[in-house]
N, C-alpha and C. Protein backbone atom coordinates (compact mmCIF):
# COMPACT_ATOMS: atom_id res chain seq x y z
N VAL A 1 -4.57 -4.64 -3.06
CA VAL A 1 -3.76 -5.50 -3.91
C VAL A 1 -4.18 -6.95 -3.75
N PHE A 2 -4.42 -7.36 -2.52
CA PHE A 2 -4.73 -8.75 -2.26
C PHE A 2 -6.00 -9.21 -2.96
N SER A 3 -6.98 -8.31 -3.05
CA SER A 3 -8.26 -8.69 -3.66
C SER A 3 -8.09 -9.13 -5.11
N ASP A 4 -7.03 -8.66 -5.78
CA ASP A 4 -6.77 -9.09 -7.15
C ASP A 4 -6.44 -10.58 -7.24
N TYR A 5 -5.95 -11.14 -6.15
CA TYR A 5 -5.48 -12.53 -6.17
C TYR A 5 -6.42 -13.51 -5.48
N MET A 6 -7.48 -13.03 -4.84
CA MET A 6 -8.33 -13.89 -4.01
C MET A 6 -9.04 -14.99 -4.79
N GLU A 7 -9.24 -14.82 -6.07
CA GLU A 7 -9.92 -15.84 -6.86
C GLU A 7 -8.95 -16.83 -7.51
N THR A 8 -7.67 -16.63 -7.32
CA THR A 8 -6.68 -17.58 -7.85
C THR A 8 -6.83 -18.89 -7.08
N PRO A 9 -6.90 -20.03 -7.78
CA PRO A 9 -7.18 -21.31 -7.11
C PRO A 9 -6.30 -21.62 -5.90
N LEU A 10 -5.02 -21.36 -5.97
CA LEU A 10 -4.16 -21.70 -4.83
C LEU A 10 -4.26 -20.68 -3.70
N VAL A 11 -4.78 -19.51 -3.97
CA VAL A 11 -4.92 -18.49 -2.93
C VAL A 11 -6.28 -18.59 -2.26
N LYS A 12 -7.35 -18.77 -3.05
CA LYS A 12 -8.69 -18.75 -2.46
C LYS A 12 -8.94 -19.93 -1.53
N ARG A 13 -8.09 -20.94 -1.60
CA ARG A 13 -8.25 -22.08 -0.70
C ARG A 13 -8.06 -21.68 0.75
N LEU A 14 -7.10 -20.79 1.02
CA LEU A 14 -6.82 -20.34 2.39
C LEU A 14 -6.00 -19.06 2.29
N TYR A 15 -6.55 -17.95 2.78
CA TYR A 15 -5.81 -16.70 2.65
C TYR A 15 -6.03 -15.82 3.87
N LEU A 16 -5.01 -15.04 4.18
CA LEU A 16 -5.10 -14.12 5.31
C LEU A 16 -5.68 -12.81 4.83
N THR A 17 -6.35 -12.13 5.73
CA THR A 17 -6.86 -10.80 5.44
C THR A 17 -6.16 -9.76 6.32
N ASP A 18 -5.67 -10.17 7.48
CA ASP A 18 -4.96 -9.30 8.41
C ASP A 18 -4.00 -10.17 9.21
N ILE A 19 -2.92 -9.57 9.65
CA ILE A 19 -1.94 -10.30 10.46
C ILE A 19 -1.18 -9.30 11.31
N GLY A 20 -0.70 -9.74 12.47
CA GLY A 20 0.08 -8.84 13.29
C GLY A 20 0.70 -9.52 14.49
N PHE A 21 1.44 -8.71 15.23
CA PHE A 21 2.08 -9.14 16.47
C PHE A 21 1.90 -8.02 17.48
N PHE A 22 1.35 -8.36 18.65
CA PHE A 22 1.20 -7.41 19.74
C PHE A 22 2.10 -7.87 20.89
N PRO A 23 3.27 -7.23 21.06
CA PRO A 23 4.14 -7.61 22.18
C PRO A 23 3.70 -6.95 23.49
N LYS A 24 3.68 -7.74 24.54
CA LYS A 24 3.32 -7.25 25.89
C LYS A 24 2.17 -6.24 25.80
N ALA A 25 1.07 -6.72 25.32
CA ALA A 25 -0.08 -5.88 24.94
C ALA A 25 -0.90 -5.43 26.14
N ALA A 26 -0.29 -4.65 27.02
CA ALA A 26 -1.01 -4.14 28.19
C ALA A 26 -2.21 -3.33 27.73
N ASN A 27 -3.32 -3.49 28.43
CA ASN A 27 -4.57 -2.78 28.13
C ASN A 27 -5.16 -3.16 26.77
N HIS A 28 -4.75 -4.28 26.23
CA HIS A 28 -5.29 -4.73 24.94
C HIS A 28 -6.68 -5.29 25.16
N LEU A 29 -7.65 -4.77 24.44
CA LEU A 29 -9.04 -5.21 24.54
C LEU A 29 -9.67 -5.09 23.16
N ARG A 30 -10.37 -6.14 22.77
CA ARG A 30 -11.11 -6.12 21.50
C ARG A 30 -12.46 -6.75 21.73
N VAL A 31 -13.53 -6.04 21.35
CA VAL A 31 -14.89 -6.54 21.49
C VAL A 31 -15.54 -6.47 20.12
N ARG A 32 -16.13 -7.59 19.69
CA ARG A 32 -16.87 -7.62 18.44
C ARG A 32 -18.23 -8.26 18.70
N LYS A 33 -19.24 -7.45 18.84
CA LYS A 33 -20.58 -7.96 19.13
C LYS A 33 -21.16 -8.75 17.97
N GLU A 34 -20.76 -8.42 16.76
CA GLU A 34 -21.24 -9.13 15.57
C GLU A 34 -20.22 -10.14 15.06
N GLY A 35 -19.11 -10.26 15.77
CA GLY A 35 -18.05 -11.15 15.30
C GLY A 35 -17.28 -10.49 14.17
N ALA A 36 -16.52 -11.28 13.47
CA ALA A 36 -15.73 -10.81 12.33
C ALA A 36 -16.09 -11.65 11.11
N GLU A 37 -15.83 -11.14 9.95
CA GLU A 37 -16.12 -11.87 8.71
C GLU A 37 -15.11 -12.98 8.44
N GLN A 38 -14.06 -13.02 9.24
CA GLN A 38 -13.00 -14.02 9.06
C GLN A 38 -12.83 -14.82 10.35
N TYR A 39 -12.11 -15.91 10.23
CA TYR A 39 -11.65 -16.63 11.40
C TYR A 39 -10.50 -15.82 11.98
N ILE A 40 -10.36 -15.87 13.31
CA ILE A 40 -9.27 -15.15 13.97
C ILE A 40 -8.45 -16.18 14.74
N PHE A 41 -7.21 -16.35 14.35
CA PHE A 41 -6.29 -17.29 14.99
C PHE A 41 -5.34 -16.47 15.86
N ILE A 42 -5.28 -16.81 17.14
CA ILE A 42 -4.41 -16.11 18.08
C ILE A 42 -3.43 -17.12 18.68
N TYR A 43 -2.14 -16.79 18.62
CA TYR A 43 -1.10 -17.63 19.21
C TYR A 43 -0.37 -16.78 20.27
N CYS A 44 -0.40 -17.24 21.50
CA CYS A 44 0.21 -16.52 22.61
C CYS A 44 1.67 -16.95 22.77
N THR A 45 2.58 -15.98 22.70
CA THR A 45 4.00 -16.30 22.82
C THR A 45 4.51 -16.11 24.24
N GLU A 46 3.81 -15.31 25.04
CA GLU A 46 4.15 -15.13 26.46
C GLU A 46 3.01 -14.43 27.16
N GLY A 47 3.03 -14.49 28.48
CA GLY A 47 1.97 -13.87 29.27
C GLY A 47 0.67 -14.63 29.15
N GLU A 48 -0.43 -13.92 29.39
CA GLU A 48 -1.74 -14.55 29.26
C GLU A 48 -2.82 -13.51 28.98
N GLY A 49 -3.91 -14.04 28.48
CA GLY A 49 -5.07 -13.21 28.20
C GLY A 49 -6.32 -14.06 28.26
N VAL A 50 -7.46 -13.42 28.07
CA VAL A 50 -8.74 -14.10 28.16
C VAL A 50 -9.51 -13.87 26.86
N ILE A 51 -10.15 -14.93 26.40
CA ILE A 51 -11.01 -14.86 25.23
C ILE A 51 -12.41 -15.31 25.66
N TRP A 52 -13.40 -14.51 25.34
CA TRP A 52 -14.80 -14.86 25.58
C TRP A 52 -15.46 -15.11 24.23
N VAL A 53 -16.07 -16.27 24.08
CA VAL A 53 -16.81 -16.59 22.87
C VAL A 53 -18.15 -17.17 23.30
N ASN A 54 -19.22 -16.57 22.86
CA ASN A 54 -20.57 -17.02 23.20
C ASN A 54 -20.77 -17.24 24.69
N GLY A 55 -20.26 -16.31 25.48
CA GLY A 55 -20.47 -16.37 26.92
C GLY A 55 -19.57 -17.33 27.67
N LYS A 56 -18.62 -17.98 27.00
CA LYS A 56 -17.71 -18.90 27.66
C LYS A 56 -16.29 -18.33 27.67
N GLU A 57 -15.62 -18.47 28.81
CA GLU A 57 -14.28 -17.92 29.00
C GLU A 57 -13.20 -18.97 28.69
N TYR A 58 -12.17 -18.53 27.97
CA TYR A 58 -11.00 -19.35 27.67
C TYR A 58 -9.77 -18.53 28.04
N VAL A 59 -8.91 -19.09 28.87
CA VAL A 59 -7.66 -18.41 29.23
C VAL A 59 -6.58 -18.92 28.29
N LEU A 60 -5.87 -17.98 27.68
CA LEU A 60 -4.80 -18.32 26.74
C LEU A 60 -3.48 -17.91 27.35
N ARG A 61 -2.57 -18.90 27.44
CA ARG A 61 -1.25 -18.67 28.04
C ARG A 61 -0.16 -18.94 27.02
N GLU A 62 1.06 -18.76 27.47
CA GLU A 62 2.24 -18.97 26.62
C GLU A 62 2.18 -20.32 25.91
N ASN A 63 2.51 -20.30 24.62
CA ASN A 63 2.55 -21.49 23.77
C ASN A 63 1.18 -22.15 23.60
N GLN A 64 0.15 -21.32 23.61
CA GLN A 64 -1.19 -21.81 23.34
C GLN A 64 -1.82 -21.00 22.22
N ALA A 65 -2.76 -21.64 21.52
CA ALA A 65 -3.45 -20.99 20.41
C ALA A 65 -4.95 -21.20 20.55
N PHE A 66 -5.67 -20.32 19.89
CA PHE A 66 -7.14 -20.38 19.90
C PHE A 66 -7.64 -19.79 18.59
N CYS A 67 -8.70 -20.36 18.07
CA CYS A 67 -9.30 -19.83 16.85
C CYS A 67 -10.75 -19.43 17.14
N ILE A 68 -11.07 -18.20 16.80
CA ILE A 68 -12.43 -17.69 16.95
C ILE A 68 -13.12 -17.84 15.59
N SER A 69 -14.27 -18.47 15.59
CA SER A 69 -15.01 -18.70 14.35
C SER A 69 -15.52 -17.38 13.78
N LYS A 70 -15.69 -17.35 12.49
CA LYS A 70 -16.22 -16.15 11.87
C LYS A 70 -17.67 -15.94 12.32
N PHE A 71 -18.03 -14.68 12.43
CA PHE A 71 -19.36 -14.23 12.83
C PHE A 71 -19.74 -14.63 14.26
N GLN A 72 -18.78 -15.04 15.07
CA GLN A 72 -19.04 -15.36 16.47
C GLN A 72 -18.80 -14.13 17.34
N GLN A 73 -19.79 -13.80 18.15
CA GLN A 73 -19.63 -12.71 19.09
C GLN A 73 -18.46 -13.06 19.99
N HIS A 74 -17.56 -12.10 20.21
CA HIS A 74 -16.40 -12.40 21.06
C HIS A 74 -15.80 -11.13 21.65
N CYS A 75 -14.96 -11.40 22.63
CA CYS A 75 -14.20 -10.36 23.30
C CYS A 75 -12.88 -11.00 23.74
N TYR A 76 -11.81 -10.29 23.62
CA TYR A 76 -10.56 -10.80 24.18
C TYR A 76 -9.72 -9.65 24.72
N TYR A 77 -8.92 -9.99 25.74
CA TYR A 77 -8.12 -8.96 26.38
C TYR A 77 -6.92 -9.57 27.09
N ALA A 78 -5.90 -8.74 27.26
CA ALA A 78 -4.67 -9.16 27.94
C ALA A 78 -4.87 -9.12 29.45
N SER A 79 -4.18 -10.02 30.13
CA SER A 79 -4.17 -10.03 31.59
C SER A 79 -3.55 -8.72 32.11
N GLU A 80 -4.08 -8.22 33.20
CA GLU A 80 -3.50 -7.01 33.80
C GLU A 80 -2.14 -7.31 34.43
N LYS A 81 -2.03 -8.46 35.10
CA LYS A 81 -0.79 -8.81 35.80
C LYS A 81 0.32 -9.26 34.87
N ASP A 82 -0.03 -10.02 33.84
CA ASP A 82 0.96 -10.58 32.92
C ASP A 82 0.43 -10.50 31.49
N PRO A 83 0.44 -9.29 30.89
CA PRO A 83 -0.18 -9.14 29.57
C PRO A 83 0.47 -10.03 28.51
N TRP A 84 -0.38 -10.57 27.68
CA TRP A 84 0.11 -11.48 26.65
C TRP A 84 0.85 -10.75 25.53
N SER A 85 1.67 -11.52 24.86
CA SER A 85 2.22 -11.15 23.56
C SER A 85 1.60 -12.14 22.60
N ILE A 86 0.98 -11.63 21.53
CA ILE A 86 0.27 -12.53 20.63
C ILE A 86 0.63 -12.28 19.17
N LEU A 87 0.71 -13.37 18.46
CA LEU A 87 0.72 -13.36 17.00
C LEU A 87 -0.70 -13.67 16.60
N TRP A 88 -1.22 -12.99 15.59
CA TRP A 88 -2.61 -13.22 15.20
C TRP A 88 -2.74 -13.10 13.70
N VAL A 89 -3.73 -13.80 13.20
CA VAL A 89 -4.03 -13.73 11.78
C VAL A 89 -5.54 -13.90 11.59
N HIS A 90 -6.11 -13.07 10.74
CA HIS A 90 -7.49 -13.23 10.29
C HIS A 90 -7.41 -13.94 8.94
N PHE A 91 -8.27 -14.93 8.74
CA PHE A 91 -8.19 -15.68 7.49
C PHE A 91 -9.55 -16.19 7.04
N LYS A 92 -9.61 -16.55 5.77
CA LYS A 92 -10.79 -17.10 5.13
C LYS A 92 -10.32 -18.17 4.14
N GLY A 93 -11.26 -18.83 3.52
CA GLY A 93 -10.91 -19.72 2.42
C GLY A 93 -11.69 -21.02 2.44
N GLU A 94 -11.69 -21.65 1.28
CA GLU A 94 -12.41 -22.91 1.10
C GLU A 94 -11.87 -24.04 1.97
N ASP A 95 -10.57 -24.03 2.25
CA ASP A 95 -9.95 -25.13 3.00
C ASP A 95 -10.17 -25.06 4.51
N THR A 96 -10.86 -24.04 4.99
CA THR A 96 -11.12 -23.97 6.43
C THR A 96 -11.93 -25.17 6.91
N VAL A 97 -12.69 -25.78 6.00
CA VAL A 97 -13.50 -26.95 6.38
C VAL A 97 -12.64 -28.15 6.76
N TYR A 98 -11.37 -28.15 6.41
CA TYR A 98 -10.49 -29.27 6.70
C TYR A 98 -9.80 -29.15 8.05
N PHE A 99 -10.06 -28.08 8.75
CA PHE A 99 -9.46 -27.87 10.07
C PHE A 99 -10.59 -27.62 11.08
N PRO A 100 -10.42 -28.07 12.32
CA PRO A 100 -11.49 -27.88 13.32
C PRO A 100 -11.50 -26.48 13.93
N VAL A 101 -11.57 -25.47 13.07
CA VAL A 101 -11.49 -24.08 13.51
C VAL A 101 -12.77 -23.59 14.20
N GLU A 102 -13.79 -24.39 14.19
CA GLU A 102 -15.07 -24.02 14.82
C GLU A 102 -15.18 -24.56 16.25
N GLU A 103 -14.21 -25.32 16.71
CA GLU A 103 -14.33 -26.05 17.98
C GLU A 103 -14.25 -25.22 19.24
N CYS A 104 -13.71 -24.02 19.20
CA CYS A 104 -13.57 -23.19 20.40
C CYS A 104 -12.81 -23.94 21.49
N LYS A 105 -11.56 -24.25 21.23
CA LYS A 105 -10.76 -24.86 22.29
C LYS A 105 -9.34 -24.35 22.25
N VAL A 106 -8.73 -24.34 23.41
CA VAL A 106 -7.34 -23.91 23.54
C VAL A 106 -6.44 -25.08 23.14
N ILE A 107 -5.49 -24.80 22.27
CA ILE A 107 -4.52 -25.80 21.82
C ILE A 107 -3.18 -25.46 22.44
N THR A 108 -2.57 -26.42 23.12
CA THR A 108 -1.28 -26.21 23.76
C THR A 108 -0.17 -26.87 22.94
N PHE A 109 0.89 -26.14 22.72
CA PHE A 109 2.08 -26.65 22.05
C PHE A 109 3.03 -27.13 23.13
N GLU A 110 3.22 -28.45 23.20
CA GLU A 110 3.90 -29.08 24.32
C GLU A 110 5.42 -29.01 24.28
N THR A 111 5.99 -28.91 23.09
CA THR A 111 7.45 -29.00 22.99
C THR A 111 8.05 -27.71 22.44
N GLN A 112 9.31 -27.53 22.72
CA GLN A 112 10.03 -26.38 22.18
C GLN A 112 10.10 -26.47 20.66
N TYR A 113 10.16 -27.69 20.12
CA TYR A 113 10.19 -27.86 18.66
C TYR A 113 8.92 -27.28 18.04
N ALA A 114 7.78 -27.57 18.64
CA ALA A 114 6.51 -27.09 18.11
C ALA A 114 6.41 -25.57 18.19
N THR A 115 6.82 -25.00 19.31
CA THR A 115 6.76 -23.54 19.44
C THR A 115 7.74 -22.87 18.47
N ASN A 116 8.92 -23.48 18.29
CA ASN A 116 9.88 -22.93 17.32
C ASN A 116 9.30 -22.94 15.91
N ARG A 117 8.59 -24.01 15.56
CA ARG A 117 8.00 -24.08 14.23
C ARG A 117 6.95 -22.98 14.04
N MET A 118 6.12 -22.76 15.05
CA MET A 118 5.11 -21.71 14.94
C MET A 118 5.76 -20.34 14.75
N MET A 119 6.78 -20.06 15.53
CA MET A 119 7.46 -18.78 15.40
C MET A 119 8.08 -18.65 14.01
N PHE A 120 8.67 -19.72 13.53
CA PHE A 120 9.29 -19.72 12.21
C PHE A 120 8.26 -19.46 11.11
N LEU A 121 7.10 -20.12 11.20
CA LEU A 121 6.07 -19.96 10.18
C LEU A 121 5.52 -18.53 10.15
N PHE A 122 5.25 -17.96 11.32
CA PHE A 122 4.79 -16.58 11.34
C PHE A 122 5.87 -15.64 10.81
N ASP A 123 7.11 -15.89 11.20
CA ASP A 123 8.21 -15.06 10.71
C ASP A 123 8.31 -15.12 9.18
N MET A 124 8.09 -16.29 8.61
CA MET A 124 8.12 -16.42 7.16
C MET A 124 7.05 -15.54 6.51
N ILE A 125 5.85 -15.53 7.07
CA ILE A 125 4.79 -14.68 6.50
C ILE A 125 5.17 -13.21 6.58
N PHE A 126 5.67 -12.78 7.75
CA PHE A 126 6.06 -11.38 7.90
C PHE A 126 7.15 -10.99 6.90
N ARG A 127 8.11 -11.88 6.70
CA ARG A 127 9.19 -11.59 5.74
C ARG A 127 8.66 -11.46 4.32
N VAL A 128 7.75 -12.34 3.94
CA VAL A 128 7.18 -12.27 2.59
C VAL A 128 6.39 -10.97 2.43
N LEU A 129 5.65 -10.56 3.46
CA LEU A 129 4.85 -9.34 3.37
C LEU A 129 5.72 -8.08 3.30
N GLU A 130 6.97 -8.17 3.72
CA GLU A 130 7.89 -7.04 3.59
C GLU A 130 8.32 -6.84 2.15
N GLY A 131 8.13 -7.87 1.32
CA GLY A 131 8.54 -7.80 -0.08
C GLY A 131 7.43 -7.31 -0.98
N ASN A 132 7.46 -7.76 -2.19
CA ASN A 132 6.47 -7.35 -3.20
C ASN A 132 5.17 -8.12 -3.02
N TYR A 133 4.08 -7.47 -3.34
CA TYR A 133 2.77 -8.09 -3.27
C TYR A 133 2.44 -8.72 -4.62
N THR A 134 3.09 -9.83 -4.89
CA THR A 134 2.91 -10.52 -6.16
C THR A 134 2.03 -11.75 -5.96
N LEU A 135 1.51 -12.27 -7.05
CA LEU A 135 0.71 -13.49 -6.97
C LEU A 135 1.53 -14.62 -6.34
N GLY A 136 2.77 -14.77 -6.75
CA GLY A 136 3.63 -15.82 -6.19
C GLY A 136 3.77 -15.71 -4.69
N ASN A 137 3.92 -14.49 -4.18
CA ASN A 137 4.05 -14.30 -2.74
C ASN A 137 2.74 -14.63 -2.02
N PHE A 138 1.61 -14.30 -2.62
CA PHE A 138 0.34 -14.62 -1.97
C PHE A 138 0.06 -16.13 -1.99
N ILE A 139 0.47 -16.81 -3.03
CA ILE A 139 0.38 -18.28 -3.05
C ILE A 139 1.24 -18.84 -1.93
N TYR A 140 2.45 -18.33 -1.78
CA TYR A 140 3.38 -18.77 -0.74
C TYR A 140 2.78 -18.54 0.66
N ILE A 141 2.22 -17.35 0.88
CA ILE A 141 1.61 -17.04 2.17
C ILE A 141 0.44 -17.98 2.46
N SER A 142 -0.35 -18.27 1.45
CA SER A 142 -1.47 -19.19 1.60
C SER A 142 -0.99 -20.57 2.07
N GLN A 143 0.10 -21.02 1.50
CA GLN A 143 0.65 -22.33 1.89
C GLN A 143 1.20 -22.31 3.31
N ILE A 144 1.82 -21.21 3.70
CA ILE A 144 2.34 -21.09 5.07
C ILE A 144 1.19 -21.06 6.07
N LEU A 145 0.13 -20.34 5.73
CA LEU A 145 -1.05 -20.31 6.61
C LEU A 145 -1.62 -21.71 6.79
N SER A 146 -1.65 -22.47 5.72
CA SER A 146 -2.09 -23.86 5.81
C SER A 146 -1.20 -24.66 6.75
N LEU A 147 0.10 -24.42 6.70
CA LEU A 147 1.03 -25.11 7.62
C LEU A 147 0.79 -24.70 9.07
N ILE A 148 0.49 -23.44 9.31
CA ILE A 148 0.19 -22.99 10.68
C ILE A 148 -1.02 -23.74 11.22
N LEU A 149 -2.07 -23.86 10.43
CA LEU A 149 -3.26 -24.58 10.89
C LEU A 149 -2.98 -26.08 11.03
N ALA A 150 -2.20 -26.65 10.12
CA ALA A 150 -1.84 -28.06 10.23
C ALA A 150 -0.98 -28.30 11.47
N GLU A 151 -0.08 -27.41 11.74
CA GLU A 151 0.76 -27.51 12.94
C GLU A 151 -0.11 -27.47 14.19
N THR A 152 -1.12 -26.65 14.17
CA THR A 152 -1.99 -26.48 15.32
C THR A 152 -2.95 -27.66 15.51
N TYR A 153 -3.56 -28.11 14.44
CA TYR A 153 -4.66 -29.07 14.56
C TYR A 153 -4.34 -30.49 14.14
N ASN A 154 -3.38 -30.69 13.26
CA ASN A 154 -3.18 -32.02 12.72
C ASN A 154 -1.88 -32.70 13.11
N ARG A 155 -0.89 -31.95 13.49
CA ARG A 155 0.41 -32.54 13.80
C ARG A 155 0.37 -33.20 15.17
N GLU A 156 1.11 -34.27 15.30
CA GLU A 156 1.26 -34.90 16.61
C GLU A 156 1.85 -33.88 17.57
N LYS A 157 1.27 -33.74 18.73
CA LYS A 157 1.69 -32.71 19.67
C LYS A 157 2.95 -33.07 20.45
N ASP A 158 3.29 -34.35 20.53
CA ASP A 158 4.46 -34.76 21.31
C ASP A 158 5.56 -35.21 20.36
N ASP A 159 6.54 -34.36 20.14
CA ASP A 159 7.64 -34.67 19.23
C ASP A 159 8.58 -35.74 19.79
N THR A 160 8.42 -36.11 21.06
CA THR A 160 9.33 -37.08 21.65
C THR A 160 8.83 -38.51 21.52
N VAL A 161 7.59 -38.69 21.10
CA VAL A 161 7.02 -40.04 20.99
C VAL A 161 7.67 -40.77 19.83
N GLU A 162 8.16 -41.94 20.10
CA GLU A 162 8.75 -42.79 19.04
C GLU A 162 7.59 -43.42 18.29
N GLN A 163 7.59 -43.23 16.99
CA GLN A 163 6.52 -43.77 16.19
C GLN A 163 7.07 -44.74 15.18
N ASN A 164 6.19 -45.61 14.72
CA ASN A 164 6.56 -46.54 13.66
C ASN A 164 6.78 -45.74 12.39
N LYS A 165 8.00 -45.78 11.87
CA LYS A 165 8.35 -44.95 10.73
C LYS A 165 8.35 -45.72 9.42
N HIS A 166 7.84 -46.93 9.44
CA HIS A 166 7.80 -47.71 8.21
C HIS A 166 6.59 -47.30 7.37
N VAL A 167 6.82 -47.16 6.11
CA VAL A 167 5.76 -46.84 5.18
C VAL A 167 5.39 -48.12 4.44
N THR A 168 4.10 -48.42 4.39
CA THR A 168 3.66 -49.64 3.71
C THR A 168 2.74 -49.27 2.56
N ASN A 169 2.60 -50.22 1.62
CA ASN A 169 1.69 -50.00 0.48
C ASN A 169 0.29 -50.37 0.85
């Protein structure tokens, strides 16, 4: 169904191909020697796991996210002692160039506000996917995915910092 909408201007900018939630994913292991055709965004809600990309190890813990670039050889797995719970999404689109999804770095969400927003955004996508697979819903999902990436890469990480709120011309 989704392939019918992939060429729609508001969808092709940024769209998911797969999404899920693995709670307390003991023995979770994924190896892709050829990588994937999509970017893979992983958000850890609890526990920890390890991601290997191009021979470099990244440990992902609670309230941290990581994006694996498309076609990058990788492996990831849950910790044996404290297996992670992860929200994940595979995505593609023209707008990926506007986010530093190729950087291979762990992003930490410092505040409860930021983690609540991430949970809310993923929950919104899951709720929409429970409904009808209409063009309107796929446009909506595309916009939420954009918010997830903006929350991760572009939003100020410290919600407690007082900032100058004046808007000037």
